[in-house]
């Protein structure tokens, strides 16, 4: 007979596995899209860094990066970060599936933190505030960045719940 406690003890690792896999799939698709359709988000990064659709406040415009070389380098770094985060989260999902819970929690934590740094510090902090992305009606990615930041944070909380990684608690 299965007790409610044993069902619950299986449910949290399953939730951790599926949520980690969901975020891994998402960021892998984002990275794939950025690689195979390089120009679309390249234009986004260029406009945000150039601050060409902001209020053009002289007190802020000195922050603008107008060099295409620097803009493209920043975009390549973003893509590389996404690829590494996707690989790390795929690895985390693999460990969840193998029931190597301690390792799964550790690896998944690294991948989720990578996304929280990219979307929180990178897009919300640097893009949103330093480059005043919030001022742009056309090139404002704050809503999407907030979504990914919050999703990653929720998954991070779930994988750290007591019982999510039974042999790591």
C-alpha atoms as a PDB file:
ATOM      1  CA  UNK A   1       0.000   0.000   0.000  1.00  0.00           C
ATOM      2  CA  UNK A   2       1.300   3.414  -0.925  1.00  0.00           C
ATOM      3  CA  UNK A   3       1.074   5.989   1.813  1.00  0.00           C
ATOM      4  CA  UNK A   4       0.459   9.699   1.168  1.00  0.00           C
ATOM      5  CA  UNK A   5       3.945  10.411   2.462  1.00  0.00           C
ATOM      6  CA  UNK A   6       5.617   8.097  -0.063  1.00  0.00           C
ATOM      7  CA  UNK A   7       3.573   9.582  -2.914  1.00  0.00           C
ATOM      8  CA  UNK A   8       4.572  13.079  -1.849  1.00  0.00           C
ATOM      9  CA  UNK A   9       8.203  12.017  -1.575  1.00  0.00           C
ATOM     10  CA  UNK A  10       8.058  10.963  -5.243  1.00  0.00           C
ATOM     11  CA  UNK A  11       6.095  14.011  -6.384  1.00  0.00           C
ATOM     12  CA  UNK A  12       8.670  16.650  -5.447  1.00  0.00           C
ATOM     13  CA  UNK A  13      11.579  15.021  -7.299  1.00  0.00           C
ATOM     14  CA  UNK A  14       9.273  14.570 -10.291  1.00  0.00           C
ATOM     15  CA  UNK A  15       8.295  18.247 -10.124  1.00  0.00           C
ATOM     16  CA  UNK A  16      11.960  19.232  -9.867  1.00  0.00           C
ATOM     17  CA  UNK A  17      12.794  17.056 -12.870  1.00  0.00           C
ATOM     18  CA  UNK A  18       9.992  18.380 -15.066  1.00  0.00           C
ATOM     19  CA  UNK A  19      10.504  22.020 -14.093  1.00  0.00           C
ATOM     20  CA  UNK A  20      14.242  21.825 -14.688  1.00  0.00           C
ATOM     21  CA  UNK A  21      13.576  20.141 -18.034  1.00  0.00           C
ATOM     22  CA  UNK A  22      11.083  22.864 -18.959  1.00  0.00           C
ATOM     23  CA  UNK A  23      13.577  25.651 -18.324  1.00  0.00           C
ATOM     24  CA  UNK A  24      16.323  23.670 -20.085  1.00  0.00           C
ATOM     25  CA  UNK A  25      14.104  23.257 -23.154  1.00  0.00           C
ATOM     26  CA  UNK A  26      13.136  26.925 -23.109  1.00  0.00           C
ATOM     27  CA  UNK A  27      16.678  28.297 -22.924  1.00  0.00           C
ATOM     28  CA  UNK A  28      17.926  25.731 -25.452  1.00  0.00           C
ATOM     29  CA  UNK A  29      15.265  26.943 -27.890  1.00  0.00           C
ATOM     30  CA  UNK A  30      16.157  30.581 -27.167  1.00  0.00           C
ATOM     31  CA  UNK A  31      19.840  29.878 -27.847  1.00  0.00           C
ATOM     32  CA  UNK A  32      18.983  27.856 -30.970  1.00  0.00           C
ATOM     33  CA  UNK A  33      16.803  30.697 -32.243  1.00  0.00           C
ATOM     34  CA  UNK A  34      19.515  33.272 -31.577  1.00  0.00           C
ATOM     35  CA  UNK A  35      22.049  31.162 -33.454  1.00  0.00           C
ATOM     36  CA  UNK A  36      19.861  30.230 -36.443  1.00  0.00           C
ATOM     37  CA  UNK A  37      18.175  33.662 -36.729  1.00  0.00           C
ATOM     38  CA  UNK A  38      21.133  35.717 -35.586  1.00  0.00           C
ATOM     39  CA  UNK A  39      19.932  38.982 -37.119  1.00  0.00           C
ATOM     40  CA  UNK A  40      16.601  39.311 -35.274  1.00  0.00           C
ATOM     41  CA  UNK A  41      17.922  39.623 -31.749  1.00  0.00           C
ATOM     42  CA  UNK A  42      21.173  41.160 -32.971  1.00  0.00           C
ATOM     43  CA  UNK A  43      19.063  44.177 -33.943  1.00  0.00           C
ATOM     44  CA  UNK A  44      17.457  44.143 -30.502  1.00  0.00           C
ATOM     45  CA  UNK A  45      20.841  44.196 -28.763  1.00  0.00           C
ATOM     46  CA  UNK A  46      22.149  46.886 -31.103  1.00  0.00           C
ATOM     47  CA  UNK A  47      19.181  49.189 -30.476  1.00  0.00           C
ATOM     48  CA  UNK A  48      19.246  48.700 -26.706  1.00  0.00           C
ATOM     49  CA  UNK A  49      22.984  49.373 -26.469  1.00  0.00           C
ATOM     50  CA  UNK A  50      22.807  52.319 -28.874  1.00  0.00           C
ATOM     51  CA  UNK A  51      19.895  53.769 -26.875  1.00  0.00           C
ATOM     52  CA  UNK A  52      18.545  55.104 -30.166  1.00  0.00           C
ATOM     53  CA  UNK A  53      14.873  54.676 -29.229  1.00  0.00           C
ATOM     54  CA  UNK A  54      15.074  56.131 -25.706  1.00  0.00           C
ATOM     55  CA  UNK A  55      14.175  59.653 -24.619  1.00  0.00           C
ATOM     56  CA  UNK A  56      17.651  60.832 -25.762  1.00  0.00           C
ATOM     57  CA  UNK A  57      18.350  62.569 -22.461  1.00  0.00           C
ATOM     58  CA  UNK A  58      21.822  64.127 -22.646  1.00  0.00           C
ATOM     59  CA  UNK A  59      22.450  63.044 -19.055  1.00  0.00           C
ATOM     60  CA  UNK A  60      22.058  59.396 -20.120  1.00  0.00           C
ATOM     61  CA  UNK A  61      23.176  59.221 -23.738  1.00  0.00           C
ATOM     62  CA  UNK A  62      26.862  59.109 -22.810  1.00  0.00           C
ATOM     63  CA  UNK A  63      26.175  55.491 -21.792  1.00  0.00           C
ATOM     64  CA  UNK A  64      25.252  54.460 -25.338  1.00  0.00           C
ATOM     65  CA  UNK A  65      27.446  51.901 -27.101  1.00  0.00           C
ATOM     66  CA  UNK A  66      27.319  52.616 -30.810  1.00  0.00           C
ATOM     67  CA  UNK A  67      30.176  50.434 -32.027  1.00  0.00           C
ATOM     68  CA  UNK A  68      28.716  47.528 -34.003  1.00  0.00           C
ATOM     69  CA  UNK A  69      31.736  45.444 -33.041  1.00  0.00           C
ATOM     70  CA  UNK A  70      31.091  45.914 -29.310  1.00  0.00           C
ATOM     71  CA  UNK A  71      27.354  45.404 -29.759  1.00  0.00           C
ATOM     72  CA  UNK A  72      27.909  42.167 -31.654  1.00  0.00           C
ATOM     73  CA  UNK A  73      30.482  40.979 -29.117  1.00  0.00           C
ATOM     74  CA  UNK A  74      27.924  41.536 -26.342  1.00  0.00           C
ATOM     75  CA  UNK A  75      25.341  39.567 -28.327  1.00  0.00           C
ATOM     76  CA  UNK A  76      27.738  36.656 -28.894  1.00  0.00           C
ATOM     77  CA  UNK A  77      28.525  36.592 -25.154  1.00  0.00           C
ATOM     78  CA  UNK A  78      24.778  36.472 -24.411  1.00  0.00           C
ATOM     79  CA  UNK A  79      24.305  33.561 -26.820  1.00  0.00           C
ATOM     80  CA  UNK A  80      27.297  31.688 -25.391  1.00  0.00           C
ATOM     81  CA  UNK A  81      25.917  32.201 -21.858  1.00  0.00           C
ATOM     82  CA  UNK A  82      22.534  30.841 -22.992  1.00  0.00           C
ATOM     83  CA  UNK A  83      24.146  27.785 -24.597  1.00  0.00           C
ATOM     84  CA  UNK A  84      26.162  26.988 -21.481  1.00  0.00           C
ATOM     85  CA  UNK A  85      23.098  27.489 -19.249  1.00  0.00           C
ATOM     86  CA  UNK A  86      21.074  25.164 -21.490  1.00  0.00           C
ATOM     87  CA  UNK A  87      23.759  22.475 -21.350  1.00  0.00           C
ATOM     88  CA  UNK A  88      24.024  22.792 -17.572  1.00  0.00           C
ATOM     89  CA  UNK A  89      20.239  22.533 -17.162  1.00  0.00           C
ATOM     90  CA  UNK A  90      20.086  19.548 -19.520  1.00  0.00           C
ATOM     91  CA  UNK A  91      22.733  17.972 -17.306  1.00  0.00           C
ATOM     92  CA  UNK A  92      20.651  18.813 -14.235  1.00  0.00           C
ATOM     93  CA  UNK A  93      17.621  17.201 -15.847  1.00  0.00           C
ATOM     94  CA  UNK A  94      19.722  14.113 -16.637  1.00  0.00           C
ATOM     95  CA  UNK A  95      20.769  13.802 -12.993  1.00  0.00           C
ATOM     96  CA  UNK A  96      17.169  14.264 -11.784  1.00  0.00           C
ATOM     97  CA  UNK A  97      16.123  11.475 -14.144  1.00  0.00           C
ATOM     98  CA  UNK A  98      18.881   9.201 -12.827  1.00  0.00           C
ATOM     99  CA  UNK A  99      17.775   9.996  -9.269  1.00  0.00           C
ATOM    100  CA  UNK A 100      21.180  11.417  -8.409  1.00  0.00           C
ATOM    101  CA  UNK A 101      19.390  14.062  -6.403  1.00  0.00           C
ATOM    102  CA  UNK A 102      22.312  15.790  -4.725  1.00  0.00           C
ATOM    103  CA  UNK A 103      24.122  16.242  -8.001  1.00  0.00           C
ATOM    104  CA  UNK A 104      20.886  17.172  -9.779  1.00  0.00           C
ATOM    105  CA  UNK A 105      20.133  19.905  -7.262  1.00  0.00           C
ATOM    106  CA  UNK A 106      23.665  21.286  -7.477  1.00  0.00           C
ATOM    107  CA  UNK A 107      23.877  21.308 -11.275  1.00  0.00           C
ATOM    108  CA  UNK A 108      20.328  22.650 -11.684  1.00  0.00           C
ATOM    109  CA  UNK A 109      21.083  25.409  -9.190  1.00  0.00           C
ATOM    110  CA  UNK A 110      24.074  26.515 -11.255  1.00  0.00           C
ATOM    111  CA  UNK A 111      22.051  26.592 -14.469  1.00  0.00           C
ATOM    112  CA  UNK A 112      19.132  28.445 -12.906  1.00  0.00           C
ATOM    113  CA  UNK A 113      21.446  30.984 -11.299  1.00  0.00           C
ATOM    114  CA  UNK A 114      23.106  31.516 -14.672  1.00  0.00           C
ATOM    115  CA  UNK A 115      19.718  32.440 -16.114  1.00  0.00           C
ATOM    116  CA  UNK A 116      18.841  34.655 -13.166  1.00  0.00           C
ATOM    117  CA  UNK A 117      22.129  36.522 -13.577  1.00  0.00           C
ATOM    118  CA  UNK A 118      21.655  36.891 -17.346  1.00  0.00           C
ATOM    119  CA  UNK A 119      18.034  37.981 -17.250  1.00  0.00           C
ATOM    120  CA  UNK A 120      18.093  39.758 -13.875  1.00  0.00           C
ATOM    121  CA  UNK A 121      21.452  41.508 -13.811  1.00  0.00           C
ATOM    122  CA  UNK A 122      21.997  41.542 -17.583  1.00  0.00           C
ATOM    123  CA  UNK A 123      18.648  42.377 -19.129  1.00  0.00           C
ATOM    124  CA  UNK A 124      16.687  43.933 -16.249  1.00  0.00           C
ATOM    125  CA  UNK A 125      19.607  45.680 -14.530  1.00  0.00           C
ATOM    126  CA  UNK A 126      22.054  46.614 -17.255  1.00  0.00           C
ATOM    127  CA  UNK A 127      19.703  46.708 -20.250  1.00  0.00           C
ATOM    128  CA  UNK A 128      16.691  48.087 -18.425  1.00  0.00           C
ATOM    129  CA  UNK A 129      18.350  50.661 -16.216  1.00  0.00           C
ATOM    130  CA  UNK A 130      21.856  51.422 -17.455  1.00  0.00           C
ATOM    131  CA  UNK A 131      20.817  51.527 -21.116  1.00  0.00           C
ATOM    132  CA  UNK A 132      17.302  52.812 -20.254  1.00  0.00           C
ATOM    133  CA  UNK A 133      15.557  50.046 -22.199  1.00  0.00           C
ATOM    134  CA  UNK A 134      12.395  50.837 -20.222  1.00  0.00           C
ATOM    135  CA  UNK A 135      12.123  54.083 -22.211  1.00  0.00           C
ATOM    136  CA  UNK A 136      11.832  52.325 -25.557  1.00  0.00           C
ATOM    137  CA  UNK A 137       8.454  51.394 -26.989  1.00  0.00           C
ATOM    138  CA  UNK A 138      10.062  49.316 -29.756  1.00  0.00           C
ATOM    139  CA  UNK A 139      13.037  47.596 -28.081  1.00  0.00           C
ATOM    140  CA  UNK A 140      11.887  46.901 -24.539  1.00  0.00           C
ATOM    141  CA  UNK A 141      12.534  43.347 -23.346  1.00  0.00           C
ATOM    142  CA  UNK A 142      11.867  43.913 -19.651  1.00  0.00           C
ATOM    143  CA  UNK A 143       8.632  41.928 -19.549  1.00  0.00           C
ATOM    144  CA  UNK A 144      10.200  38.881 -21.193  1.00  0.00           C
ATOM    145  CA  UNK A 145      13.302  39.134 -18.994  1.00  0.00           C
ATOM    146  CA  UNK A 146      11.164  39.369 -15.869  1.00  0.00           C
ATOM    147  CA  UNK A 147       9.223  36.272 -16.944  1.00  0.00           C
ATOM    148  CA  UNK A 148      12.391  34.204 -17.334  1.00  0.00           C
ATOM    149  CA  UNK A 149      13.876  35.570 -14.107  1.00  0.00           C
ATOM    150  CA  UNK A 150      10.747  34.675 -12.127  1.00  0.00           C
ATOM    151  CA  UNK A 151      10.338  31.250 -13.758  1.00  0.00           C
ATOM    152  CA  UNK A 152      13.949  30.413 -12.954  1.00  0.00           C
ATOM    153  CA  UNK A 153      13.494  31.631  -9.389  1.00  0.00           C
ATOM    154  CA  UNK A 154      10.381  29.532  -8.845  1.00  0.00           C
ATOM    155  CA  UNK A 155      12.132  26.416 -10.160  1.00  0.00           C
ATOM    156  CA  UNK A 156      15.130  27.196  -7.945  1.00  0.00           C
ATOM    157  CA  UNK A 157      12.818  27.353  -4.925  1.00  0.00           C
ATOM    158  CA  UNK A 158      11.120  24.076  -5.850  1.00  0.00           C
ATOM    159  CA  UNK A 159      14.374  22.176  -6.230  1.00  0.00           C
ATOM    160  CA  UNK A 160      15.459  23.410  -2.810  1.00  0.00           C
ATOM    161  CA  UNK A 161      12.283  22.379  -1.007  1.00  0.00           C
ATOM    162  CA  UNK A 162      12.853  19.711   1.635  1.00  0.00           C
ATOM    163  CA  UNK A 163      12.148  16.391  -0.044  1.00  0.00           C
ATOM    164  CA  UNK A 164      12.818  17.557  -3.606  1.00  0.00           C
ATOM    165  CA  UNK A 165      16.196  15.840  -3.427  1.00  0.00           C
ATOM    166  CA  UNK A 166      15.653  13.091  -0.848  1.00  0.00           C
ATOM    167  CA  UNK A 167      19.248  11.890  -0.599  1.00  0.00           C
ATOM    168  CA  UNK A 168      20.598  15.466  -0.472  1.00  0.00           C
ATOM    169  CA  UNK A 169      18.466  16.799   2.406  1.00  0.00           C
END
